[in-house]
Amino acid sequence: MALVQRRLGITWSIVAIVLGAVLSAGFASQALVVASTTAFLLSKFADLAVYTPLQGRRFMLAVIAVVGLVVDSMVFLWLAFGTLDF
């Protein structure tokens, strides 16, 4: 998604997230779709807050910034299963 954000911009990144949610709705339960979409969207906004400012100055630091990954995992586990134990 960072590549989409870098090449096409924030708007297309959000469009891709929404499209992914719509496609997921055809294959998964509503609870998992909500958990997955919410987690992914929040992780992308976390990346936007951390990755985007870093990419212009220190690309390698931006690449290893894993804020979005942590946010995605924590939010998904909490919303889908009600716990972070997994």
PDB file of N, CA and C in Angstrom:
ATOM      1  N   MET A   1       0.815  -1.184   0.000  1.00  0.00           N
ATOM      2  CA  MET A   1       0.000   0.000   0.000  1.00  0.00           C
ATOM      3  C   MET A   1       0.865   1.256   0.000  1.00  0.00           C
ATOM      4  N   ALA A   2       2.049   1.164   0.573  1.00  0.00           N
ATOM      5  CA  ALA A   2       2.942   2.323   0.571  1.00  0.00           C
ATOM      6  C   ALA A   2       3.291   2.715  -0.864  1.00  0.00           C
ATOM      7  N   LEU A   3       3.435   1.735  -1.739  1.00  0.00           N
ATOM      8  CA  LEU A   3       3.726   2.018  -3.138  1.00  0.00           C
ATOM      9  C   LEU A   3       2.558   2.745  -3.793  1.00  0.00           C
ATOM     10  N   VAL A   4       1.336   2.311  -3.500  1.00  0.00           N
ATOM     11  CA  VAL A   4       0.153   2.991  -4.045  1.00  0.00           C
ATOM     12  C   VAL A   4       0.128   4.423  -3.547  1.00  0.00           C
ATOM     13  N   GLN A   5       0.373   4.596  -2.250  1.00  0.00           N
ATOM     14  CA  GLN A   5       0.373   5.942  -1.672  1.00  0.00           C
ATOM     15  C   GLN A   5       1.444   6.813  -2.317  1.00  0.00           C
ATOM     16  N   ARG A   6       2.611   6.223  -2.521  1.00  0.00           N
ATOM     17  CA  ARG A   6       3.724   6.976  -3.101  1.00  0.00           C
ATOM     18  C   ARG A   6       3.485   7.346  -4.546  1.00  0.00           C
ATOM     19  N   ARG A   7       2.974   6.397  -5.318  1.00  0.00           N
ATOM     20  CA  ARG A   7       2.803   6.609  -6.761  1.00  0.00           C
ATOM     21  C   ARG A   7       1.510   7.320  -7.122  1.00  0.00           C
ATOM     22  N   LEU A   8       0.419   6.964  -6.445  1.00  0.00           N
ATOM     23  CA  LEU A   8      -0.892   7.464  -6.849  1.00  0.00           C
ATOM     24  C   LEU A   8      -1.507   8.466  -5.882  1.00  0.00           C
ATOM     25  N   GLY A   9      -0.985   8.519  -4.656  1.00  0.00           N
ATOM     26  CA  GLY A   9      -1.486   9.487  -3.698  1.00  0.00           C
ATOM     27  C   GLY A   9      -2.418   8.890  -2.659  1.00  0.00           C
ATOM     28  N   ILE A  10      -2.753   9.712  -1.707  1.00  0.00           N
ATOM     29  CA  ILE A  10      -3.568   9.294  -0.573  1.00  0.00           C
ATOM     30  C   ILE A  10      -4.978   8.919  -1.008  1.00  0.00           C
ATOM     31  N   THR A  11      -5.551   9.677  -1.911  1.00  0.00           N
ATOM     32  CA  THR A  11      -6.924   9.410  -2.352  1.00  0.00           C
ATOM     33  C   THR A  11      -7.048   8.010  -2.924  1.00  0.00           C
ATOM     34  N   TRP A  12      -6.127   7.614  -3.794  1.00  0.00           N
ATOM     35  CA  TRP A  12      -6.187   6.278  -4.391  1.00  0.00           C
ATOM     36  C   TRP A  12      -5.901   5.194  -3.350  1.00  0.00           C
ATOM     37  N   SER A  13      -5.119   5.502  -2.349  1.00  0.00           N
ATOM     38  CA  SER A  13      -4.892   4.542  -1.273  1.00  0.00           C
ATOM     39  C   SER A  13      -6.191   4.263  -0.530  1.00  0.00           C
ATOM     40  N   ILE A  14      -6.943   5.311  -0.242  1.00  0.00           N
ATOM     41  CA  ILE A  14      -8.220   5.147   0.449  1.00  0.00           C
ATOM     42  C   ILE A  14      -9.220   4.424  -0.439  1.00  0.00           C
ATOM     43  N   VAL A  15      -9.236   4.735  -1.730  1.00  0.00           N
ATOM     44  CA  VAL A  15     -10.109   4.026  -2.677  1.00  0.00           C
ATOM     45  C   VAL A  15      -9.776   2.536  -2.682  1.00  0.00           C
ATOM     46  N   ALA A  16      -8.494   2.194  -2.650  1.00  0.00           N
ATOM     47  CA  ALA A  16      -8.078   0.789  -2.635  1.00  0.00           C
ATOM     48  C   ALA A  16      -8.549   0.090  -1.360  1.00  0.00           C
ATOM     49  N   ILE A  17      -8.490   0.776  -0.232  1.00  0.00           N
ATOM     50  CA  ILE A  17      -8.953   0.205   1.036  1.00  0.00           C
ATOM     51  C   ILE A  17     -10.454  -0.073   0.972  1.00  0.00           C
ATOM     52  N   VAL A  18     -11.217   0.893   0.479  1.00  0.00           N
ATOM     53  CA  VAL A  18     -12.663   0.729   0.379  1.00  0.00           C
ATOM     54  C   VAL A  18     -12.999  -0.394  -0.600  1.00  0.00           C
ATOM     55  N   LEU A  19     -12.328  -0.446  -1.724  1.00  0.00           N
ATOM     56  CA  LEU A  19     -12.558  -1.517  -2.701  1.00  0.00           C
ATOM     57  C   LEU A  19     -12.236  -2.881  -2.093  1.00  0.00           C
ATOM     58  N   GLY A  20     -11.158  -2.956  -1.347  1.00  0.00           N
ATOM     59  CA  GLY A  20     -10.805  -4.201  -0.667  1.00  0.00           C
ATOM     60  C   GLY A  20     -11.877  -4.626   0.326  1.00  0.00           C
ATOM     61  N   ALA A  21     -12.451  -3.667   1.034  1.00  0.00           N
ATOM     62  CA  ALA A  21     -13.515  -3.974   1.994  1.00  0.00           C
ATOM     63  C   ALA A  21     -14.749  -4.509   1.279  1.00  0.00           C
ATOM     64  N   VAL A  22     -15.091  -3.896   0.166  1.00  0.00           N
ATOM     65  CA  VAL A  22     -16.253  -4.346  -0.601  1.00  0.00           C
ATOM     66  C   VAL A  22     -16.026  -5.761  -1.123  1.00  0.00           C
ATOM     67  N   LEU A  23     -14.853  -6.026  -1.646  1.00  0.00           N
ATOM     68  CA  LEU A  23     -14.545  -7.369  -2.138  1.00  0.00           C
ATOM     69  C   LEU A  23     -14.529  -8.390  -1.007  1.00  0.00           C
ATOM     70  N   SER A  24     -13.993  -8.021   0.134  1.00  0.00           N
ATOM     71  CA  SER A  24     -13.942  -8.924   1.290  1.00  0.00           C
ATOM     72  C   SER A  24     -15.332  -9.299   1.764  1.00  0.00           C
ATOM     73  N   ALA A  25     -16.266  -8.379   1.634  1.00  0.00           N
ATOM     74  CA  ALA A  25     -17.634  -8.624   2.097  1.00  0.00           C
ATOM     75  C   ALA A  25     -18.264  -9.823   1.389  1.00  0.00           C
ATOM     76  N   GLY A  26     -17.789 -10.131   0.202  1.00  0.00           N
ATOM     77  CA  GLY A  26     -18.319 -11.272  -0.528  1.00  0.00           C
ATOM     78  C   GLY A  26     -17.745 -12.607  -0.080  1.00  0.00           C
ATOM     79  N   PHE A  27     -16.691 -12.586   0.729  1.00  0.00           N
ATOM     80  CA  PHE A  27     -15.997 -13.822   1.084  1.00  0.00           C
ATOM     81  C   PHE A  27     -15.903 -14.109   2.580  1.00  0.00           C
ATOM     82  N   ALA A  28     -16.175 -13.130   3.420  1.00  0.00           N
ATOM     83  CA  ALA A  28     -15.966 -13.313   4.860  1.00  0.00           C
ATOM     84  C   ALA A  28     -17.198 -12.857   5.635  1.00  0.00           C
ATOM     85  N   SER A  29     -17.226 -13.214   6.897  1.00  0.00           N
ATOM     86  CA  SER A  29     -18.330 -12.778   7.748  1.00  0.00           C
ATOM     87  C   SER A  29     -18.253 -11.271   7.962  1.00  0.00           C
ATOM     88  N   GLN A  30     -19.400 -10.705   8.289  1.00  0.00           N
ATOM     89  CA  GLN A  30     -19.456  -9.259   8.492  1.00  0.00           C
ATOM     90  C   GLN A  30     -18.517  -8.810   9.609  1.00  0.00           C
ATOM     91  N   ALA A  31     -18.433  -9.581  10.675  1.00  0.00           N
ATOM     92  CA  ALA A  31     -17.556  -9.214  11.798  1.00  0.00           C
ATOM     93  C   ALA A  31     -16.094  -9.157  11.359  1.00  0.00           C
ATOM     94  N   LEU A  32     -15.660 -10.115  10.567  1.00  0.00           N
ATOM     95  CA  LEU A  32     -14.275 -10.114  10.091  1.00  0.00           C
ATOM     96  C   LEU A  32     -14.019  -8.993   9.094  1.00  0.00           C
ATOM     97  N   VAL A  33     -15.006  -8.703   8.255  1.00  0.00           N
ATOM     98  CA  VAL A  33     -14.850  -7.605   7.286  1.00  0.00           C
ATOM     99  C   VAL A  33     -14.713  -6.277   8.021  1.00  0.00           C
ATOM    100  N   VAL A  34     -15.551  -6.060   9.027  1.00  0.00           N
ATOM    101  CA  VAL A  34     -15.477  -4.813   9.807  1.00  0.00           C
ATOM    102  C   VAL A  34     -14.138  -4.728  10.528  1.00  0.00           C
ATOM    103  N   ALA A  35     -13.726  -5.813  11.179  1.00  0.00           N
ATOM    104  CA  ALA A  35     -12.454  -5.816  11.905  1.00  0.00           C
ATOM    105  C   ALA A  35     -11.293  -5.579  10.956  1.00  0.00           C
ATOM    106  N   SER A  36     -11.292  -6.269   9.837  1.00  0.00           N
ATOM    107  CA  SER A  36     -10.199  -6.150   8.878  1.00  0.00           C
ATOM    108  C   SER A  36     -10.137  -4.758   8.257  1.00  0.00           C
ATOM    109  N   THR A  37     -11.275  -4.254   7.834  1.00  0.00           N
ATOM    110  CA  THR A  37     -11.312  -2.940   7.188  1.00  0.00           C
ATOM    111  C   THR A  37     -10.925  -1.834   8.162  1.00  0.00           C
ATOM    112  N   THR A  38     -11.465  -1.894   9.362  1.00  0.00           N
ATOM    113  CA  THR A  38     -11.144  -0.879  10.366  1.00  0.00           C
ATOM    114  C   THR A  38      -9.655  -0.913  10.705  1.00  0.00           C
ATOM    115  N   ALA A  39      -9.137  -2.118  10.927  1.00  0.00           N
ATOM    116  CA  ALA A  39      -7.715  -2.251  11.264  1.00  0.00           C
ATOM    117  C   ALA A  39      -6.837  -1.748  10.125  1.00  0.00           C
ATOM    118  N   PHE A  40      -7.178  -2.121   8.911  1.00  0.00           N
ATOM    119  CA  PHE A  40      -6.365  -1.705   7.767  1.00  0.00           C
ATOM    120  C   PHE A  40      -6.420  -0.196   7.583  1.00  0.00           C
ATOM    121  N   LEU A  41      -7.614   0.378   7.691  1.00  0.00           N
ATOM    122  CA  LEU A  41      -7.757   1.820   7.524  1.00  0.00           C
ATOM    123  C   LEU A  41      -6.969   2.581   8.591  1.00  0.00           C
ATOM    124  N   LEU A  42      -7.091   2.158   9.842  1.00  0.00           N
ATOM    125  CA  LEU A  42      -6.340   2.826  10.911  1.00  0.00           C
ATOM    126  C   LEU A  42      -4.835   2.650  10.736  1.00  0.00           C
ATOM    127  N   SER A  43      -4.417   1.474  10.268  1.00  0.00           N
ATOM    128  CA  SER A  43      -2.982   1.266  10.055  1.00  0.00           C
ATOM    129  C   SER A  43      -2.461   2.139   8.928  1.00  0.00           C
ATOM    130  N   LYS A  44      -3.273   2.349   7.907  1.00  0.00           N
ATOM    131  CA  LYS A  44      -2.847   3.213   6.800  1.00  0.00           C
ATOM    132  C   LYS A  44      -2.750   4.664   7.258  1.00  0.00           C
ATOM    133  N   PHE A  45      -3.682   5.091   8.116  1.00  0.00           N
ATOM    134  CA  PHE A  45      -3.572   6.452   8.648  1.00  0.00           C
ATOM    135  C   PHE A  45      -2.356   6.586   9.563  1.00  0.00           C
ATOM    136  N   ALA A  46      -2.029   5.531  10.299  1.00  0.00           N
ATOM    137  CA  ALA A  46      -0.802   5.550  11.109  1.00  0.00           C
ATOM    138  C   ALA A  46       0.421   5.635  10.205  1.00  0.00           C
ATOM    139  N   ASP A  47       0.415   4.863   9.126  1.00  0.00           N
ATOM    140  CA  ASP A  47       1.504   4.954   8.150  1.00  0.00           C
ATOM    141  C   ASP A  47       1.585   6.348   7.551  1.00  0.00           C
ATOM    142  N   LEU A  48       0.428   6.909   7.274  1.00  0.00           N
ATOM    143  CA  LEU A  48       0.382   8.257   6.699  1.00  0.00           C
ATOM    144  C   LEU A  48       1.017   9.264   7.652  1.00  0.00           C
ATOM    145  N   ALA A  49       0.778   9.088   8.939  1.00  0.00           N
ATOM    146  CA  ALA A  49       1.337  10.008   9.932  1.00  0.00           C
ATOM    147  C   ALA A  49       2.837   9.800  10.131  1.00  0.00           C
ATOM    148  N   VAL A  50       3.322   8.563   9.948  1.00  0.00           N
ATOM    149  CA  VAL A  50       4.731   8.256  10.208  1.00  0.00           C
ATOM    150  C   VAL A  50       5.528   8.092   8.914  1.00  0.00           C
ATOM    151  N   TYR A  51       5.053   7.235   8.024  1.00  0.00           N
ATOM    152  CA  TYR A  51       5.791   6.890   6.804  1.00  0.00           C
ATOM    153  C   TYR A  51       5.926   8.077   5.851  1.00  0.00           C
ATOM    154  N   THR A  52       4.824   8.773   5.605  1.00  0.00           N
ATOM    155  CA  THR A  52       4.834   9.845   4.612  1.00  0.00           C
ATOM    156  C   THR A  52       5.840  10.949   4.935  1.00  0.00           C
ATOM    157  N   PRO A  53       5.883  11.448   6.182  1.00  0.00           N
ATOM    158  CA  PRO A  53       6.895  12.468   6.471  1.00  0.00           C
ATOM    159  C   PRO A  53       8.333  11.937   6.370  1.00  0.00           C
ATOM    160  N   LEU A  54       8.535  10.657   6.709  1.00  0.00           N
ATOM    161  CA  LEU A  54       9.886  10.088   6.670  1.00  0.00           C
ATOM    162  C   LEU A  54      10.367   9.792   5.261  1.00  0.00           C
ATOM    163  N   GLN A  55       9.452   9.451   4.364  1.00  0.00           N
ATOM    164  CA  GLN A  55       9.872   9.018   3.039  1.00  0.00           C
ATOM    165  C   GLN A  55      10.619  10.101   2.274  1.00  0.00           C
ATOM    166  N   GLY A  56      10.299  11.347   2.512  1.00  0.00           N
ATOM    167  CA  GLY A  56      10.982  12.416   1.812  1.00  0.00           C
ATOM    168  C   GLY A  56      12.393  12.658   2.310  1.00  0.00           C
ATOM    169  N   ARG A  57      12.637  12.336   3.570  1.00  0.00           N
ATOM    170  CA  ARG A  57      13.948  12.599   4.164  1.00  0.00           C
ATOM    171  C   ARG A  57      14.817  11.360   4.272  1.00  0.00           C
ATOM    172  N   ARG A  58      14.258  10.309   4.801  1.00  0.00           N
ATOM    173  CA  ARG A  58      15.028   9.081   5.045  1.00  0.00           C
ATOM    174  C   ARG A  58      14.211   7.883   4.587  1.00  0.00           C
ATOM    175  N   PHE A  59      14.354   7.528   3.327  1.00  0.00           N
ATOM    176  CA  PHE A  59      13.541   6.468   2.756  1.00  0.00           C
ATOM    177  C   PHE A  59      13.723   5.139   3.482  1.00  0.00           C
ATOM    178  N   MET A  60      14.949   4.777   3.807  1.00  0.00           N
ATOM    179  CA  MET A  60      15.184   3.496   4.477  1.00  0.00           C
ATOM    180  C   MET A  60      14.537   3.462   5.862  1.00  0.00           C
ATOM    181  N   LEU A  61      14.591   4.558   6.577  1.00  0.00           N
ATOM    182  CA  LEU A  61      13.931   4.633   7.879  1.00  0.00           C
ATOM    183  C   LEU A  61      12.422   4.497   7.704  1.00  0.00           C
ATOM    184  N   ALA A  62      11.889   5.103   6.667  1.00  0.00           N
ATOM    185  CA  ALA A  62      10.461   5.000   6.390  1.00  0.00           C
ATOM    186  C   ALA A  62      10.068   3.560   6.083  1.00  0.00           C
ATOM    187  N   VAL A  63      10.913   2.856   5.374  1.00  0.00           N
ATOM    188  CA  VAL A  63      10.623   1.470   5.010  1.00  0.00           C
ATOM    189  C   VAL A  63      10.569   0.580   6.238  1.00  0.00           C
ATOM    190  N   ILE A  64      11.450   0.812   7.193  1.00  0.00           N
ATOM    191  CA  ILE A  64      11.474  -0.063   8.372  1.00  0.00           C
ATOM    192  C   ILE A  64      10.524   0.384   9.478  1.00  0.00           C
ATOM    193  N   ALA A  65       9.883   1.525   9.313  1.00  0.00           N
ATOM    194  CA  ALA A  65       8.891   1.976  10.295  1.00  0.00           C
ATOM    195  C   ALA A  65       7.685   1.045  10.217  1.00  0.00           C
ATOM    196  N   VAL A  66       7.415   0.345  11.279  1.00  0.00           N
ATOM    197  CA  VAL A  66       6.383  -0.685  11.274  1.00  0.00           C
ATOM    198  C   VAL A  66       5.153  -0.274  12.078  1.00  0.00           C
ATOM    199  N   VAL A  67       4.940   1.006  12.209  1.00  0.00           N
ATOM    200  CA  VAL A  67       3.820   1.498  13.005  1.00  0.00           C
ATOM    201  C   VAL A  67       2.502   0.941  12.481  1.00  0.00           C
ATOM    202  N   GLY A  68       2.300   1.013  11.178  1.00  0.00           N
ATOM    203  CA  GLY A  68       1.052   0.538  10.585  1.00  0.00           C
ATOM    204  C   GLY A  68       0.824  -0.937  10.826  1.00  0.00           C
ATOM    205  N   LEU A  69       1.873  -1.721  10.762  1.00  0.00           N
ATOM    206  CA  LEU A  69       1.767  -3.162  10.981  1.00  0.00           C
ATOM    207  C   LEU A  69       1.308  -3.465  12.404  1.00  0.00           C
ATOM    208  N   VAL A  70       1.872  -2.768  13.361  1.00  0.00           N
ATOM    209  CA  VAL A  70       1.501  -2.968  14.760  1.00  0.00           C
ATOM    210  C   VAL A  70       0.054  -2.545  14.996  1.00  0.00           C
ATOM    211  N   VAL A  71      -0.322  -1.388  14.468  1.00  0.00           N
ATOM    212  CA  VAL A  71      -1.698  -0.907  14.623  1.00  0.00           C
ATOM    213  C   VAL A  71      -2.674  -1.891  13.982  1.00  0.00           C
ATOM    214  N   ASP A  72      -2.368  -2.329  12.767  1.00  0.00           N
ATOM    215  CA  ASP A  72      -3.234  -3.270  12.058  1.00  0.00           C
ATOM    216  C   ASP A  72      -3.456  -4.538  12.876  1.00  0.00           C
ATOM    217  N   SER A  73      -2.387  -5.130  13.359  1.00  0.00           N
ATOM    218  CA  SER A  73      -2.496  -6.378  14.115  1.00  0.00           C
ATOM    219  C   SER A  73      -3.286  -6.201  15.403  1.00  0.00           C
ATOM    220  N   MET A  74      -2.995  -5.158  16.132  1.00  0.00           N
ATOM    221  CA  MET A  74      -3.660  -4.953  17.419  1.00  0.00           C
ATOM    222  C   MET A  74      -5.150  -4.660  17.242  1.00  0.00           C
ATOM    223  N   VAL A  75      -5.491  -3.786  16.312  1.00  0.00           N
ATOM    224  CA  VAL A  75      -6.900  -3.428  16.101  1.00  0.00           C
ATOM    225  C   VAL A  75      -7.676  -4.632  15.579  1.00  0.00           C
ATOM    226  N   PHE A  76      -7.111  -5.359  14.620  1.00  0.00           N
ATOM    227  CA  PHE A  76      -7.810  -6.521  14.072  1.00  0.00           C
ATOM    228  C   PHE A  76      -8.077  -7.566  15.155  1.00  0.00           C
ATOM    229  N   LEU A  77      -7.062  -7.922  15.904  1.00  0.00           N
ATOM    230  CA  LEU A  77      -7.240  -8.933  16.951  1.00  0.00           C
ATOM    231  C   LEU A  77      -8.284  -8.503  17.980  1.00  0.00           C
ATOM    232  N   TRP A  78      -8.242  -7.238  18.348  1.00  0.00           N
ATOM    233  CA  TRP A  78      -9.183  -6.748  19.343  1.00  0.00           C
ATOM    234  C   TRP A  78     -10.613  -6.768  18.811  1.00  0.00           C
ATOM    235  N   LEU A  79     -10.813  -6.287  17.577  1.00  0.00           N
ATOM    236  CA  LEU A  79     -12.160  -6.236  17.027  1.00  0.00           C
ATOM    237  C   LEU A  79     -12.694  -7.611  16.627  1.00  0.00           C
ATOM    238  N   ALA A  80     -11.833  -8.448  16.070  1.00  0.00           N
ATOM    239  CA  ALA A  80     -12.285  -9.754  15.599  1.00  0.00           C
ATOM    240  C   ALA A  80     -12.467 -10.763  16.728  1.00  0.00           C
ATOM    241  N   PHE A  81     -11.598 -10.727  17.724  1.00  0.00           N
ATOM    242  CA  PHE A  81     -11.604 -11.754  18.758  1.00  0.00           C
ATOM    243  C   PHE A  81     -11.756 -11.228  20.183  1.00  0.00           C
ATOM    244  N   GLY A  82     -11.721  -9.909  20.339  1.00  0.00           N
ATOM    245  CA  GLY A  82     -11.889  -9.326  21.664  1.00  0.00           C
ATOM    246  C   GLY A  82     -10.690  -9.487  22.577  1.00  0.00           C
ATOM    247  N   THR A  83      -9.549  -9.816  22.014  1.00  0.00           N
ATOM    248  CA  THR A  83      -8.347 -10.023  22.816  1.00  0.00           C
ATOM    249  C   THR A  83      -7.107  -9.832  21.947  1.00  0.00           C
ATOM    250  N   LEU A  84      -6.011  -9.548  22.599  1.00  0.00           N
ATOM    251  CA  LEU A  84      -4.711  -9.450  21.900  1.00  0.00           C
ATOM    252  C   LEU A  84      -3.856 -10.671  22.164  1.00  0.00           C
ATOM    253  N   ASP A  85      -4.435 -11.701  22.763  1.00  0.00           N
ATOM    254  CA  ASP A  85      -3.687 -12.891  23.157  1.00  0.00           C
ATOM    255  C   ASP A  85      -3.113 -13.683  21.986  1.00  0.00           C
ATOM    256  N   PHE A  86      -3.675 -13.543  20.814  1.00  0.00           N
ATOM    257  CA  PHE A  86      -3.189 -14.305  19.674  1.00  0.00           C
ATOM    258  C   PHE A  86      -1.881 -13.731  19.202  1.00  0.00           C
TER     259      PHE A  86
END
